[in-house]
Amino acid sequence: MTGGLRSKNPELNSLVERSAKQNLDLKLALERVQEARAARGVARSGYFPYIDGAASATRNRQRIIVPSRAAEICRHRPSRI
């Protein structure tokens, strides 16, 4: 039953139900109310915090190339323990 109107008379209930379903002006008004509520929700959304996030990761591996002469010197150097 639309609008919470309920009668003990089933004939009256049926009549009210059919008229509400067939009433295009009422349907249009209800659609406008829903549209206005949605627009209000969008307008009010600016008053609430906004959370956004992003993540990224990179991995770099560096390779050190030692000239052959320097490597030879390092091999002949006495180790210090």
C-alpha atoms as a PDB file:
ATOM      1  CA  MET A   1       0.000   0.000   0.000  1.00  0.00           C
ATOM      2  CA  THR A   2       1.449   3.373  -0.971  1.00  0.00           C
ATOM      3  CA  GLY A   3       2.096   6.065   1.597  1.00  0.00           C
ATOM      4  CA  GLY A   4       1.258   3.794   4.512  1.00  0.00           C
ATOM      5  CA  LEU A   5      -2.505   4.385   4.042  1.00  0.00           C
ATOM      6  CA  ARG A   6      -4.301   1.200   4.992  1.00  0.00           C
ATOM      7  CA  SER A   7      -7.995   0.707   5.443  1.00  0.00           C
ATOM      8  CA  LYS A   8      -9.982  -2.257   6.709  1.00  0.00           C
ATOM      9  CA  ASN A   9     -12.020  -2.091   3.517  1.00  0.00           C
ATOM     10  CA  PRO A  10     -10.277  -4.219   0.828  1.00  0.00           C
ATOM     11  CA  GLU A  11     -12.232  -2.491  -1.938  1.00  0.00           C
ATOM     12  CA  LEU A  12     -10.995   0.917  -0.820  1.00  0.00           C
ATOM     13  CA  ASN A  13      -7.443  -0.400  -0.521  1.00  0.00           C
ATOM     14  CA  SER A  14      -7.618  -1.757  -4.065  1.00  0.00           C
ATOM     15  CA  LEU A  15      -8.980   1.521  -5.388  1.00  0.00           C
ATOM     16  CA  VAL A  16      -6.255   3.571  -3.671  1.00  0.00           C
ATOM     17  CA  GLU A  17      -3.569   1.164  -4.902  1.00  0.00           C
ATOM     18  CA  ARG A  18      -4.755   1.271  -8.520  1.00  0.00           C
ATOM     19  CA  SER A  19      -5.105   5.043  -8.524  1.00  0.00           C
ATOM     20  CA  ALA A  20      -1.605   5.482  -7.111  1.00  0.00           C
ATOM     21  CA  LYS A  21      -0.135   3.168  -9.761  1.00  0.00           C
ATOM     22  CA  GLN A  22      -1.954   4.941 -12.568  1.00  0.00           C
ATOM     23  CA  ASN A  23      -1.316   8.474 -11.367  1.00  0.00           C
ATOM     24  CA  LEU A  24       1.465   9.706 -13.623  1.00  0.00           C
ATOM     25  CA  ASP A  25       1.648  13.077 -11.854  1.00  0.00           C
ATOM     26  CA  LEU A  26       2.379  11.305  -8.590  1.00  0.00           C
ATOM     27  CA  LYS A  27       5.054   9.164 -10.240  1.00  0.00           C
ATOM     28  CA  LEU A  28       6.632  12.248 -11.772  1.00  0.00           C
ATOM     29  CA  ALA A  29       6.569  14.037  -8.420  1.00  0.00           C
ATOM     30  CA  LEU A  30       8.204  11.049  -6.726  1.00  0.00           C
ATOM     31  CA  GLU A  31      10.910  10.968  -9.406  1.00  0.00           C
ATOM     32  CA  ARG A  32      11.559  14.672  -8.878  1.00  0.00           C
ATOM     33  CA  VAL A  33      11.881  14.147  -5.139  1.00  0.00           C
ATOM     34  CA  GLN A  34      14.385  11.327  -5.692  1.00  0.00           C
ATOM     35  CA  GLU A  35      16.319  13.470  -8.161  1.00  0.00           C
ATOM     36  CA  ALA A  36      16.403  16.376  -5.700  1.00  0.00           C
ATOM     37  CA  ARG A  37      17.632  14.076  -2.934  1.00  0.00           C
ATOM     38  CA  ALA A  38      20.403  12.776  -5.182  1.00  0.00           C
ATOM     39  CA  ALA A  39      21.436  16.322  -6.136  1.00  0.00           C
ATOM     40  CA  ARG A  40      21.464  17.295  -2.469  1.00  0.00           C
ATOM     41  CA  GLY A  41      23.699  14.329  -1.707  1.00  0.00           C
ATOM     42  CA  VAL A  42      26.156  15.400  -4.406  1.00  0.00           C
ATOM     43  CA  ALA A  43      26.129  18.997  -3.170  1.00  0.00           C
ATOM     44  CA  ARG A  44      26.683  17.920   0.435  1.00  0.00           C
ATOM     45  CA  SER A  45      29.550  15.616  -0.497  1.00  0.00           C
ATOM     46  CA  GLY A  46      31.872  18.635  -0.568  1.00  0.00           C
ATOM     47  CA  TYR A  47      31.490  18.962   3.201  1.00  0.00           C
ATOM     48  CA  PHE A  48      32.974  15.570   3.951  1.00  0.00           C
ATOM     49  CA  PRO A  49      36.591  14.436   3.864  1.00  0.00           C
ATOM     50  CA  TYR A  50      37.896  12.922   0.681  1.00  0.00           C
ATOM     51  CA  ILE A  51      40.396  10.108   0.818  1.00  0.00           C
ATOM     52  CA  ASP A  52      42.567   9.163  -2.110  1.00  0.00           C
ATOM     53  CA  GLY A  53      45.596   7.009  -2.314  1.00  0.00           C
ATOM     54  CA  ALA A  54      48.241   5.711  -4.642  1.00  0.00           C
ATOM     55  CA  ALA A  55      51.222   3.446  -4.242  1.00  0.00           C
ATOM     56  CA  SER A  56      54.261   2.613  -6.300  1.00  0.00           C
ATOM     57  CA  ALA A  57      57.522   0.793  -5.861  1.00  0.00           C
ATOM     58  CA  THR A  58      60.756   0.591  -7.780  1.00  0.00           C
ATOM     59  CA  ARG A  59      63.804  -1.558  -7.429  1.00  0.00           C
ATOM     60  CA  ASN A  60      67.163  -0.592  -8.833  1.00  0.00           C
ATOM     61  CA  ARG A  61      70.162  -2.842  -8.960  1.00  0.00           C
ATOM     62  CA  GLN A  62      73.463  -1.192  -9.639  1.00  0.00           C
ATOM     63  CA  ARG A  63      76.353  -3.096 -11.006  1.00  0.00           C
ATOM     64  CA  ILE A  64      79.833  -1.824 -10.337  1.00  0.00           C
ATOM     65  CA  ILE A  65      82.299  -2.628 -13.070  1.00  0.00           C
ATOM     66  CA  VAL A  66      85.878  -2.527 -11.888  1.00  0.00           C
ATOM     67  CA  PRO A  67      88.562  -1.934 -14.521  1.00  0.00           C
ATOM     68  CA  SER A  68      90.727  -5.003 -15.004  1.00  0.00           C
ATOM     69  CA  ARG A  69      93.927  -3.309 -13.715  1.00  0.00           C
ATOM     70  CA  ALA A  70      92.237  -2.241 -10.463  1.00  0.00           C
ATOM     71  CA  ALA A  71      90.932  -5.768  -9.925  1.00  0.00           C
ATOM     72  CA  GLU A  72      94.437  -7.151 -10.391  1.00  0.00           C
ATOM     73  CA  ILE A  73      95.849  -4.722  -7.813  1.00  0.00           C
ATOM     74  CA  CYS A  74      93.149  -5.683  -5.318  1.00  0.00           C
ATOM     75  CA  ARG A  75      93.984  -9.357  -5.694  1.00  0.00           C
ATOM     76  CA  HIS A  76      97.692  -8.829  -4.942  1.00  0.00           C
ATOM     77  CA  ARG A  77      97.175  -6.543  -1.986  1.00  0.00           C
ATOM     78  CA  PRO A  78      97.900  -8.265   1.340  1.00  0.00           C
ATOM     79  CA  SER A  79      94.811  -8.649   3.467  1.00  0.00           C
ATOM     80  CA  ARG A  80      94.660  -6.968   6.848  1.00  0.00           C
ATOM     81  CA  ILE A  81      93.102  -9.073   9.526  1.00  0.00           C
END
